[in-house]
All heavy atoms as atom14 arrays in JSON, in Angstrom:
{
  "sequence": "ITLSTIGVGLDADQELLRQLADMGAGRYYDGSDPFDLPKLLVKETLE",
  "atom14_mask": [
    [1, 1, 1, 1, 1, 1, 1, 1, 0, 0, 0, 0, 0, 0],
    [1, 1, 1, 1, 1, 1, 1, 0, 0, 0, 0, 0, 0, 0],
    [1, 1, 1, 1, 1, 1, 1, 1, 0, 0, 0, 0, 0, 0],
    [1, 1, 1, 1, 1, 1, 0, 0, 0, 0, 0, 0, 0, 0],
    [1, 1, 1, 1, 1, 1, 1, 0, 0, 0, 0, 0, 0, 0],
    [1, 1, 1, 1, 1, 1, 1, 1, 0, 0, 0, 0, 0, 0],
    [1, 1, 1, 1, 0, 0, 0, 0, 0, 0, 0, 0, 0, 0],
    [1, 1, 1, 1, 1, 1, 1, 0, 0, 0, 0, 0, 0, 0],
    [1, 1, 1, 1, 0, 0, 0, 0, 0, 0, 0, 0, 0, 0],
    [1, 1, 1, 1, 1, 1, 1, 1, 0, 0, 0, 0, 0, 0],
    [1, 1, 1, 1, 1, 1, 1, 1, 0, 0, 0, 0, 0, 0],
    [1, 1, 1, 1, 1, 0, 0, 0, 0, 0, 0, 0, 0, 0],
    [1, 1, 1, 1, 1, 1, 1, 1, 0, 0, 0, 0, 0, 0],
    [1, 1, 1, 1, 1, 1, 1, 1, 1, 0, 0, 0, 0, 0],
    [1, 1, 1, 1, 1, 1, 1, 1, 1, 0, 0, 0, 0, 0],
    [1, 1, 1, 1, 1, 1, 1, 1, 0, 0, 0, 0, 0, 0],
    [1, 1, 1, 1, 1, 1, 1, 1, 0, 0, 0, 0, 0, 0],
    [1, 1, 1, 1, 1, 1, 1, 1, 1, 1, 1, 0, 0, 0],
    [1, 1, 1, 1, 1, 1, 1, 1, 1, 0, 0, 0, 0, 0],
    [1, 1, 1, 1, 1, 1, 1, 1, 0, 0, 0, 0, 0, 0],
    [1, 1, 1, 1, 1, 0, 0, 0, 0, 0, 0, 0, 0, 0],
    [1, 1, 1, 1, 1, 1, 1, 1, 0, 0, 0, 0, 0, 0],
    [1, 1, 1, 1, 1, 1, 1, 1, 0, 0, 0, 0, 0, 0],
    [1, 1, 1, 1, 0, 0, 0, 0, 0, 0, 0, 0, 0, 0],
    [1, 1, 1, 1, 1, 0, 0, 0, 0, 0, 0, 0, 0, 0],
    [1, 1, 1, 1, 0, 0, 0, 0, 0, 0, 0, 0, 0, 0],
    [1, 1, 1, 1, 1, 1, 1, 1, 1, 1, 1, 0, 0, 0],
    [1, 1, 1, 1, 1, 1, 1, 1, 1, 1, 1, 1, 0, 0],
    [1, 1, 1, 1, 1, 1, 1, 1, 1, 1, 1, 1, 0, 0],
    [1, 1, 1, 1, 1, 1, 1, 1, 0, 0, 0, 0, 0, 0],
    [1, 1, 1, 1, 0, 0, 0, 0, 0, 0, 0, 0, 0, 0],
    [1, 1, 1, 1, 1, 1, 0, 0, 0, 0, 0, 0, 0, 0],
    [1, 1, 1, 1, 1, 1, 1, 1, 0, 0, 0, 0, 0, 0],
    [1, 1, 1, 1, 1, 1, 1, 0, 0, 0, 0, 0, 0, 0],
    [1, 1, 1, 1, 1, 1, 1, 1, 1, 1, 1, 0, 0, 0],
    [1, 1, 1, 1, 1, 1, 1, 1, 0, 0, 0, 0, 0, 0],
    [1, 1, 1, 1, 1, 1, 1, 1, 0, 0, 0, 0, 0, 0],
    [1, 1, 1, 1, 1, 1, 1, 0, 0, 0, 0, 0, 0, 0],
    [1, 1, 1, 1, 1, 1, 1, 1, 1, 0, 0, 0, 0, 0],
    [1, 1, 1, 1, 1, 1, 1, 1, 0, 0, 0, 0, 0, 0],
    [1, 1, 1, 1, 1, 1, 1, 1, 0, 0, 0, 0, 0, 0],
    [1, 1, 1, 1, 1, 1, 1, 0, 0, 0, 0, 0, 0, 0],
    [1, 1, 1, 1, 1, 1, 1, 1, 1, 0, 0, 0, 0, 0],
    [1, 1, 1, 1, 1, 1, 1, 1, 1, 0, 0, 0, 0, 0],
    [1, 1, 1, 1, 1, 1, 1, 0, 0, 0, 0, 0, 0, 0],
    [1, 1, 1, 1, 1, 1, 1, 1, 0, 0, 0, 0, 0, 0],
    [1, 1, 1, 1, 1, 1, 1, 1, 1, 0, 0, 0, 0, 0]
  ],
  "atom14_positions": [
    [[37.65, 2.72, 83.92], [37.42, 3.25, 82.57], [35.98, 2.94, 82.19], [35.49, 1.82, 82.32], [38.36, 2.58, 81.55], [39.82, 2.81, 81.97], [38.09, 3.09, 80.15], [40.81, 1.99, 81.2], [0.0, 0.0, 0.0], [0.0, 0.0, 0.0], [0.0, 0.0, 0.0], [0.0, 0.0, 0.0], [0.0, 0.0, 0.0], [0.0, 0.0, 0.0]],
    [[35.27, 3.97, 81.75], [33.87, 3.82, 81.33], [33.8, 3.83, 79.8], [34.77, 4.23, 79.11], [32.99, 4.93, 81.93], [33.56, 6.22, 81.6], [32.86, 4.79, 83.43], [0.0, 0.0, 0.0], [0.0, 0.0, 0.0], [0.0, 0.0, 0.0], [0.0, 0.0, 0.0], [0.0, 0.0, 0.0], [0.0, 0.0, 0.0], [0.0, 0.0, 0.0]],
    [[32.68, 3.39, 79.29], [32.53, 3.21, 77.82], [31.15, 3.65, 77.38], [30.14, 3.2, 77.92], [32.76, 1.77, 77.48], [32.42, 1.32, 76.03], [33.48, 1.91, 75.08], [32.4, -0.2, 75.94], [0.0, 0.0, 0.0], [0.0, 0.0, 0.0], [0.0, 0.0, 0.0], [0.0, 0.0, 0.0], [0.0, 0.0, 0.0], [0.0, 0.0, 0.0]],
    [[31.08, 4.54, 76.37], [29.86, 4.87, 75.71], [30.01, 4.45, 74.22], [31.13, 4.33, 73.72], [29.59, 6.37, 75.75], [29.19, 6.74, 77.06], [0.0, 0.0, 0.0], [0.0, 0.0, 0.0], [0.0, 0.0, 0.0], [0.0, 0.0, 0.0], [0.0, 0.0, 0.0], [0.0, 0.0, 0.0], [0.0, 0.0, 0.0], [0.0, 0.0, 0.0]],
    [[28.91, 4.21, 73.57], [28.94, 3.76, 72.19], [28.05, 4.63, 71.3], [27.02, 5.1, 71.75], [28.51, 2.3, 72.06], [27.18, 2.13, 72.56], [29.46, 1.37, 72.84], [0.0, 0.0, 0.0], [0.0, 0.0, 0.0], [0.0, 0.0, 0.0], [0.0, 0.0, 0.0], [0.0, 0.0, 0.0], [0.0, 0.0, 0.0], [0.0, 0.0, 0.0]],
    [[28.44, 4.78, 70.07], [27.63, 5.42, 69.05], [27.55, 4.45, 67.86], [28.57, 4.08, 67.25], [28.26, 6.76, 68.61], [28.38, 7.71, 69.79], [27.43, 7.39, 67.49], [29.09, 9.02, 69.45], [0.0, 0.0, 0.0], [0.0, 0.0, 0.0], [0.0, 0.0, 0.0], [0.0, 0.0, 0.0], [0.0, 0.0, 0.0], [0.0, 0.0, 0.0]],
    [[26.32, 4.05, 67.56], [26.08, 3.16, 66.46], [26.0, 3.95, 65.15], [25.15, 4.78, 64.97], [0.0, 0.0, 0.0], [0.0, 0.0, 0.0], [0.0, 0.0, 0.0], [0.0, 0.0, 0.0], [0.0, 0.0, 0.0], [0.0, 0.0, 0.0], [0.0, 0.0, 0.0], [0.0, 0.0, 0.0], [0.0, 0.0, 0.0], [0.0, 0.0, 0.0]],
    [[26.95, 3.71, 64.24], [27.06, 4.44, 63.0], [26.45, 3.63, 61.87], [26.75, 2.46, 61.67], [28.54, 4.74, 62.68], [28.65, 5.5, 61.34], [29.19, 5.55, 63.79], [0.0, 0.0, 0.0], [0.0, 0.0, 0.0], [0.0, 0.0, 0.0], [0.0, 0.0, 0.0], [0.0, 0.0, 0.0], [0.0, 0.0, 0.0], [0.0, 0.0, 0.0]],
    [[25.54, 4.25, 61.15], [24.88, 3.6, 60.0], [23.62, 2.89, 60.37], [23.31, 2.63, 61.54], [0.0, 0.0, 0.0], [0.0, 0.0, 0.0], [0.0, 0.0, 0.0], [0.0, 0.0, 0.0], [0.0, 0.0, 0.0], [0.0, 0.0, 0.0], [0.0, 0.0, 0.0], [0.0, 0.0, 0.0], [0.0, 0.0, 0.0], [0.0, 0.0, 0.0]],
    [[22.84, 2.61, 59.32], [21.52, 2.02, 59.53], [21.59, 0.55, 59.96], [20.64, 0.0, 60.5], [20.68, 2.15, 58.23], [20.39, 3.59, 57.8], [19.73, 3.63, 56.43], [19.51, 4.27, 58.84], [0.0, 0.0, 0.0], [0.0, 0.0, 0.0], [0.0, 0.0, 0.0], [0.0, 0.0, 0.0], [0.0, 0.0, 0.0], [0.0, 0.0, 0.0]],
    [[22.72, -0.12, 59.68], [22.84, -1.54, 59.97], [23.56, -1.76, 61.31], [23.92, -2.9, 61.6], [23.62, -2.24, 58.88], [22.85, -2.25, 57.56], [21.59, -2.25, 57.61], [23.47, -2.24, 56.49], [0.0, 0.0, 0.0], [0.0, 0.0, 0.0], [0.0, 0.0, 0.0], [0.0, 0.0, 0.0], [0.0, 0.0, 0.0], [0.0, 0.0, 0.0]],
    [[23.76, -0.75, 62.09], [24.49, -0.9, 63.37], [23.79, -1.9, 64.26], [22.53, -1.96, 64.31], [24.61, 0.44, 64.08], [0.0, 0.0, 0.0], [0.0, 0.0, 0.0], [0.0, 0.0, 0.0], [0.0, 0.0, 0.0], [0.0, 0.0, 0.0], [0.0, 0.0, 0.0], [0.0, 0.0, 0.0], [0.0, 0.0, 0.0], [0.0, 0.0, 0.0]],
    [[24.54, -2.72, 64.93], [23.99, -3.69, 65.9], [23.66, -2.92, 67.17], [24.46, -2.88, 68.13], [25.02, -4.78, 66.15], [24.47, -5.92, 67.0], [23.43, -5.72, 67.66], [25.09, -6.99, 67.01], [0.0, 0.0, 0.0], [0.0, 0.0, 0.0], [0.0, 0.0, 0.0], [0.0, 0.0, 0.0], [0.0, 0.0, 0.0], [0.0, 0.0, 0.0]],
    [[22.49, -2.32, 67.19], [22.09, -1.48, 68.32], [22.02, -2.22, 69.62], [22.38, -1.67, 70.68], [20.75, -0.78, 68.01], [20.82, 0.17, 66.89], [19.51, 0.87, 66.63], [18.66, 0.97, 67.52], [19.36, 1.43, 65.44], [0.0, 0.0, 0.0], [0.0, 0.0, 0.0], [0.0, 0.0, 0.0], [0.0, 0.0, 0.0], [0.0, 0.0, 0.0]],
    [[21.58, -3.43, 69.58], [21.45, -4.21, 70.86], [22.83, -4.45, 71.46], [23.03, -4.27, 72.66], [20.75, -5.56, 70.58], [20.48, -6.37, 71.83], [19.67, -5.63, 72.9], [18.8, -4.81, 72.52], [19.91, -5.88, 74.09], [0.0, 0.0, 0.0], [0.0, 0.0, 0.0], [0.0, 0.0, 0.0], [0.0, 0.0, 0.0], [0.0, 0.0, 0.0]],
    [[23.8, -4.87, 70.64], [25.19, -5.06, 71.15], [25.73, -3.77, 71.7], [26.32, -3.73, 72.82], [26.06, -5.61, 70.04], [27.56, -5.66, 70.38], [27.82, -6.6, 71.57], [28.36, -6.07, 69.18], [0.0, 0.0, 0.0], [0.0, 0.0, 0.0], [0.0, 0.0, 0.0], [0.0, 0.0, 0.0], [0.0, 0.0, 0.0], [0.0, 0.0, 0.0]],
    [[25.54, -2.67, 71.0], [26.11, -1.41, 71.42], [25.43, -0.86, 72.69], [26.05, -0.3, 73.56], [26.03, -0.36, 70.27], [26.84, -0.78, 69.06], [26.66, 0.22, 67.93], [28.32, -0.9, 69.41], [0.0, 0.0, 0.0], [0.0, 0.0, 0.0], [0.0, 0.0, 0.0], [0.0, 0.0, 0.0], [0.0, 0.0, 0.0], [0.0, 0.0, 0.0]],
    [[24.13, -1.11, 72.83], [23.45, -0.74, 74.08], [24.02, -1.56, 75.26], [24.22, -1.04, 76.34], [21.93, -1.01, 73.96], [21.21, 0.1, 73.29], [19.69, -0.1, 73.42], [18.97, 0.93, 72.7], [18.58, 0.85, 71.45], [18.76, -0.27, 70.8], [17.96, 1.82, 70.87], [0.0, 0.0, 0.0], [0.0, 0.0, 0.0], [0.0, 0.0, 0.0]],
    [[24.18, -2.88, 75.02], [24.73, -3.74, 76.08], [26.13, -3.27, 76.47], [26.44, -3.23, 77.67], [24.74, -5.17, 75.61], [23.42, -5.81, 75.48], [23.47, -7.21, 74.87], [24.54, -7.69, 74.49], [22.32, -7.85, 74.76], [0.0, 0.0, 0.0], [0.0, 0.0, 0.0], [0.0, 0.0, 0.0], [0.0, 0.0, 0.0], [0.0, 0.0, 0.0]],
    [[26.97, -2.97, 75.49], [28.32, -2.54, 75.79], [28.27, -1.25, 76.62], [29.02, -1.1, 77.61], [29.1, -2.3, 74.51], [29.53, -3.55, 73.77], [30.17, -3.17, 72.42], [30.51, -4.41, 74.57], [0.0, 0.0, 0.0], [0.0, 0.0, 0.0], [0.0, 0.0, 0.0], [0.0, 0.0, 0.0], [0.0, 0.0, 0.0], [0.0, 0.0, 0.0]],
    [[27.45, -0.31, 76.24], [27.35, 0.96, 76.98], [26.84, 0.71, 78.4], [27.35, 1.3, 79.34], [26.41, 1.94, 76.24], [0.0, 0.0, 0.0], [0.0, 0.0, 0.0], [0.0, 0.0, 0.0], [0.0, 0.0, 0.0], [0.0, 0.0, 0.0], [0.0, 0.0, 0.0], [0.0, 0.0, 0.0], [0.0, 0.0, 0.0], [0.0, 0.0, 0.0]],
    [[25.85, -0.15, 78.54], [25.34, -0.5, 79.9], [26.44, -1.14, 80.7], [26.65, -0.75, 81.89], [24.15, -1.41, 79.8], [22.89, -0.75, 79.33], [22.83, 0.5, 79.34], [21.95, -1.49, 78.92], [0.0, 0.0, 0.0], [0.0, 0.0, 0.0], [0.0, 0.0, 0.0], [0.0, 0.0, 0.0], [0.0, 0.0, 0.0], [0.0, 0.0, 0.0]],
    [[27.14, -2.12, 80.17], [28.2, -2.77, 80.89], [29.33, -1.85, 81.23], [30.01, -1.99, 82.22], [28.75, -4.0, 80.11], [27.79, -5.16, 80.02], [28.49, -6.6, 79.19], [28.56, -6.08, 77.49], [0.0, 0.0, 0.0], [0.0, 0.0, 0.0], [0.0, 0.0, 0.0], [0.0, 0.0, 0.0], [0.0, 0.0, 0.0], [0.0, 0.0, 0.0]],
    [[29.58, -0.85, 80.36], [30.63, 0.08, 80.55], [30.25, 1.33, 81.34], [30.99, 2.27, 81.43], [0.0, 0.0, 0.0], [0.0, 0.0, 0.0], [0.0, 0.0, 0.0], [0.0, 0.0, 0.0], [0.0, 0.0, 0.0], [0.0, 0.0, 0.0], [0.0, 0.0, 0.0], [0.0, 0.0, 0.0], [0.0, 0.0, 0.0], [0.0, 0.0, 0.0]],
    [[29.04, 1.31, 81.93], [28.52, 2.43, 82.72], [28.49, 3.73, 81.9], [28.73, 4.81, 82.41], [29.34, 2.61, 83.99], [0.0, 0.0, 0.0], [0.0, 0.0, 0.0], [0.0, 0.0, 0.0], [0.0, 0.0, 0.0], [0.0, 0.0, 0.0], [0.0, 0.0, 0.0], [0.0, 0.0, 0.0], [0.0, 0.0, 0.0], [0.0, 0.0, 0.0]],
    [[28.18, 3.59, 80.62], [28.1, 4.73, 79.74], [26.75, 4.86, 79.09], [25.75, 4.35, 79.6], [0.0, 0.0, 0.0], [0.0, 0.0, 0.0], [0.0, 0.0, 0.0], [0.0, 0.0, 0.0], [0.0, 0.0, 0.0], [0.0, 0.0, 0.0], [0.0, 0.0, 0.0], [0.0, 0.0, 0.0], [0.0, 0.0, 0.0], [0.0, 0.0, 0.0]],
    [[26.71, 5.49, 77.94], [25.48, 5.73, 77.21], [25.59, 5.21, 75.8], [26.68, 5.15, 75.26], [25.14, 7.23, 77.2], [24.65, 7.73, 78.55], [24.94, 9.23, 78.69], [26.34, 9.51, 78.79], [27.16, 9.34, 79.87], [26.62, 8.85, 80.96], [28.43, 9.62, 79.84], [0.0, 0.0, 0.0], [0.0, 0.0, 0.0], [0.0, 0.0, 0.0]],
    [[24.44, 4.89, 75.21], [24.39, 4.52, 73.81], [23.71, 5.64, 73.0], [22.71, 6.2, 73.48], [23.59, 3.18, 73.59], [23.26, 2.99, 72.15], [24.19, 2.58, 71.21], [21.94, 3.24, 71.69], [23.89, 2.44, 69.89], [21.65, 3.06, 70.36], [22.61, 2.65, 69.46], [22.29, 2.53, 68.14], [0.0, 0.0, 0.0], [0.0, 0.0, 0.0]],
    [[24.24, 5.92, 71.85], [23.63, 6.94, 70.96], [23.41, 6.31, 69.57], [24.28, 5.6, 69.09], [24.52, 8.14, 70.8], [24.79, 8.86, 72.09], [25.94, 8.59, 72.82], [23.89, 9.81, 72.57], [26.17, 9.26, 74.02], [24.15, 10.5, 73.74], [25.29, 10.21, 74.48], [25.54, 10.88, 75.63], [0.0, 0.0, 0.0], [0.0, 0.0, 0.0]],
    [[22.26, 6.61, 68.98], [21.97, 6.17, 67.64], [22.54, 7.2, 66.64], [22.06, 8.32, 66.6], [20.45, 6.04, 67.46], [20.05, 5.61, 66.05], [20.91, 5.46, 65.19], [18.82, 5.39, 65.86], [0.0, 0.0, 0.0], [0.0, 0.0, 0.0], [0.0, 0.0, 0.0], [0.0, 0.0, 0.0], [0.0, 0.0, 0.0], [0.0, 0.0, 0.0]],
    [[23.58, 6.78, 65.93], [24.21, 7.65, 64.96], [23.87, 7.26, 63.53], [24.72, 7.33, 62.67], [0.0, 0.0, 0.0], [0.0, 0.0, 0.0], [0.0, 0.0, 0.0], [0.0, 0.0, 0.0], [0.0, 0.0, 0.0], [0.0, 0.0, 0.0], [0.0, 0.0, 0.0], [0.0, 0.0, 0.0], [0.0, 0.0, 0.0], [0.0, 0.0, 0.0]],
    [[22.67, 6.79, 63.31], [22.29, 6.32, 61.96], [22.34, 7.46, 60.93], [22.55, 7.22, 59.77], [20.94, 5.63, 61.96], [19.94, 6.46, 62.49], [0.0, 0.0, 0.0], [0.0, 0.0, 0.0], [0.0, 0.0, 0.0], [0.0, 0.0, 0.0], [0.0, 0.0, 0.0], [0.0, 0.0, 0.0], [0.0, 0.0, 0.0], [0.0, 0.0, 0.0]],
    [[22.12, 8.69, 61.4], [22.26, 9.87, 60.53], [23.66, 10.45, 60.7], [23.99, 10.98, 61.77], [21.2, 10.91, 60.9], [21.22, 12.11, 59.96], [22.19, 12.33, 59.24], [20.24, 12.88, 59.99], [0.0, 0.0, 0.0], [0.0, 0.0, 0.0], [0.0, 0.0, 0.0], [0.0, 0.0, 0.0], [0.0, 0.0, 0.0], [0.0, 0.0, 0.0]],
    [[24.48, 10.34, 59.69], [25.88, 10.81, 59.83], [25.98, 12.29, 60.2], [26.99, 12.67, 60.78], [26.52, 10.49, 58.47], [25.39, 10.26, 57.52], [24.25, 9.84, 58.34], [0.0, 0.0, 0.0], [0.0, 0.0, 0.0], [0.0, 0.0, 0.0], [0.0, 0.0, 0.0], [0.0, 0.0, 0.0], [0.0, 0.0, 0.0], [0.0, 0.0, 0.0]],
    [[25.01, 13.05, 59.86], [25.02, 14.47, 60.2], [24.85, 14.72, 61.7], [25.14, 15.79, 62.21], [23.94, 15.24, 59.42], [24.26, 15.29, 57.93], [23.57, 14.5, 57.04], [25.29, 16.09, 57.43], [23.84, 14.49, 55.69], [25.57, 16.14, 56.09], [24.88, 15.31, 55.23], [0.0, 0.0, 0.0], [0.0, 0.0, 0.0], [0.0, 0.0, 0.0]],
    [[24.39, 13.7, 62.42], [24.2, 13.82, 63.87], [25.47, 13.54, 64.65], [25.56, 13.81, 65.85], [23.13, 12.87, 64.38], [21.71, 13.32, 64.0], [21.52, 14.5, 63.69], [20.8, 12.48, 64.02], [0.0, 0.0, 0.0], [0.0, 0.0, 0.0], [0.0, 0.0, 0.0], [0.0, 0.0, 0.0], [0.0, 0.0, 0.0], [0.0, 0.0, 0.0]],
    [[26.46, 12.9, 64.01], [27.68, 12.45, 64.75], [28.38, 13.57, 65.49], [28.7, 13.39, 66.69], [28.62, 11.74, 63.79], [28.13, 10.4, 63.25], [29.13, 9.79, 62.28], [27.8, 9.44, 64.4], [0.0, 0.0, 0.0], [0.0, 0.0, 0.0], [0.0, 0.0, 0.0], [0.0, 0.0, 0.0], [0.0, 0.0, 0.0], [0.0, 0.0, 0.0]],
    [[28.63, 14.73, 64.9], [29.3, 15.81, 65.68], [28.47, 16.2, 66.93], [29.01, 16.36, 68.02], [29.4, 16.97, 64.72], [29.38, 16.32, 63.36], [28.49, 15.14, 63.5], [0.0, 0.0, 0.0], [0.0, 0.0, 0.0], [0.0, 0.0, 0.0], [0.0, 0.0, 0.0], [0.0, 0.0, 0.0], [0.0, 0.0, 0.0], [0.0, 0.0, 0.0]],
    [[27.15, 16.31, 66.77], [26.29, 16.69, 67.87], [26.34, 15.62, 68.99], [26.37, 15.95, 70.18], [24.86, 16.87, 67.37], [23.84, 17.12, 68.42], [22.42, 17.35, 67.85], [21.95, 16.07, 67.15], [20.62, 16.14, 66.61], [0.0, 0.0, 0.0], [0.0, 0.0, 0.0], [0.0, 0.0, 0.0], [0.0, 0.0, 0.0], [0.0, 0.0, 0.0]],
    [[26.33, 14.34, 68.59], [26.38, 13.26, 69.57], [27.7, 13.26, 70.37], [27.7, 13.05, 71.56], [26.16, 11.91, 68.89], [24.79, 11.72, 68.24], [24.74, 10.41, 67.47], [23.69, 11.83, 69.26], [0.0, 0.0, 0.0], [0.0, 0.0, 0.0], [0.0, 0.0, 0.0], [0.0, 0.0, 0.0], [0.0, 0.0, 0.0], [0.0, 0.0, 0.0]],
    [[28.8, 13.52, 69.64], [30.1, 13.56, 70.31], [30.17, 14.71, 71.3], [30.68, 14.58, 72.44], [31.24, 13.67, 69.3], [31.56, 12.36, 68.58], [32.47, 12.62, 67.38], [32.15, 11.33, 69.5], [0.0, 0.0, 0.0], [0.0, 0.0, 0.0], [0.0, 0.0, 0.0], [0.0, 0.0, 0.0], [0.0, 0.0, 0.0], [0.0, 0.0, 0.0]],
    [[29.64, 15.88, 70.91], [29.62, 17.0, 71.82], [28.73, 16.73, 73.0], [29.1, 16.99, 74.18], [29.16, 18.29, 71.1], [28.85, 19.4, 72.09], [30.2, 18.75, 70.08], [0.0, 0.0, 0.0], [0.0, 0.0, 0.0], [0.0, 0.0, 0.0], [0.0, 0.0, 0.0], [0.0, 0.0, 0.0], [0.0, 0.0, 0.0], [0.0, 0.0, 0.0]],
    [[27.58, 16.09, 72.81], [26.66, 15.78, 73.86], [27.35, 14.83, 74.88], [27.3, 15.06, 76.11], [25.39, 15.11, 73.33], [24.4, 14.74, 74.41], [23.14, 14.17, 73.8], [22.15, 13.83, 74.89], [20.89, 13.32, 74.35], [0.0, 0.0, 0.0], [0.0, 0.0, 0.0], [0.0, 0.0, 0.0], [0.0, 0.0, 0.0], [0.0, 0.0, 0.0]],
    [[28.05, 13.82, 74.38], [28.73, 12.87, 75.29], [29.85, 13.54, 76.01], [30.09, 13.28, 77.19], [29.22, 11.64, 74.49], [29.93, 10.62, 75.33], [29.07, 9.99, 76.43], [27.83, 10.23, 76.48], [29.63, 9.26, 77.25], [0.0, 0.0, 0.0], [0.0, 0.0, 0.0], [0.0, 0.0, 0.0], [0.0, 0.0, 0.0], [0.0, 0.0, 0.0]],
    [[30.59, 14.39, 75.35], [31.68, 15.13, 75.99], [31.16, 15.99, 77.15], [31.75, 16.02, 78.23], [32.4, 16.0, 74.97], [32.94, 15.14, 73.94], [33.56, 16.78, 75.6], [0.0, 0.0, 0.0], [0.0, 0.0, 0.0], [0.0, 0.0, 0.0], [0.0, 0.0, 0.0], [0.0, 0.0, 0.0], [0.0, 0.0, 0.0], [0.0, 0.0, 0.0]],
    [[30.03, 16.64, 76.93], [29.43, 17.44, 77.99], [28.96, 16.59, 79.15], [29.1, 17.0, 80.32], [28.29, 18.33, 77.42], [28.68, 19.37, 76.42], [27.47, 20.05, 75.82], [29.58, 20.42, 77.11], [0.0, 0.0, 0.0], [0.0, 0.0, 0.0], [0.0, 0.0, 0.0], [0.0, 0.0, 0.0], [0.0, 0.0, 0.0], [0.0, 0.0, 0.0]],
    [[28.4, 15.45, 78.85], [27.98, 14.51, 79.92], [29.18, 14.07, 80.79], [29.08, 14.03, 81.96], [27.29, 13.26, 79.31], [25.94, 13.54, 78.74], [24.89, 13.84, 79.77], [25.0, 13.37, 80.92], [23.94, 14.59, 79.44], [0.0, 0.0, 0.0], [0.0, 0.0, 0.0], [0.0, 0.0, 0.0], [0.0, 0.0, 0.0], [0.0, 0.0, 0.0]]
  ]
}
């Protein structure tokens, strides 16, 4: 099972989420702009 992360909000712990994605052989996405969330989910789904 692989893991990707999307950090939601301006206060997201980006370092932790990057580490989790790295450990999970996935990708990290910065979702600080809530309007980007649908685009990020589609991008990850395509990957």
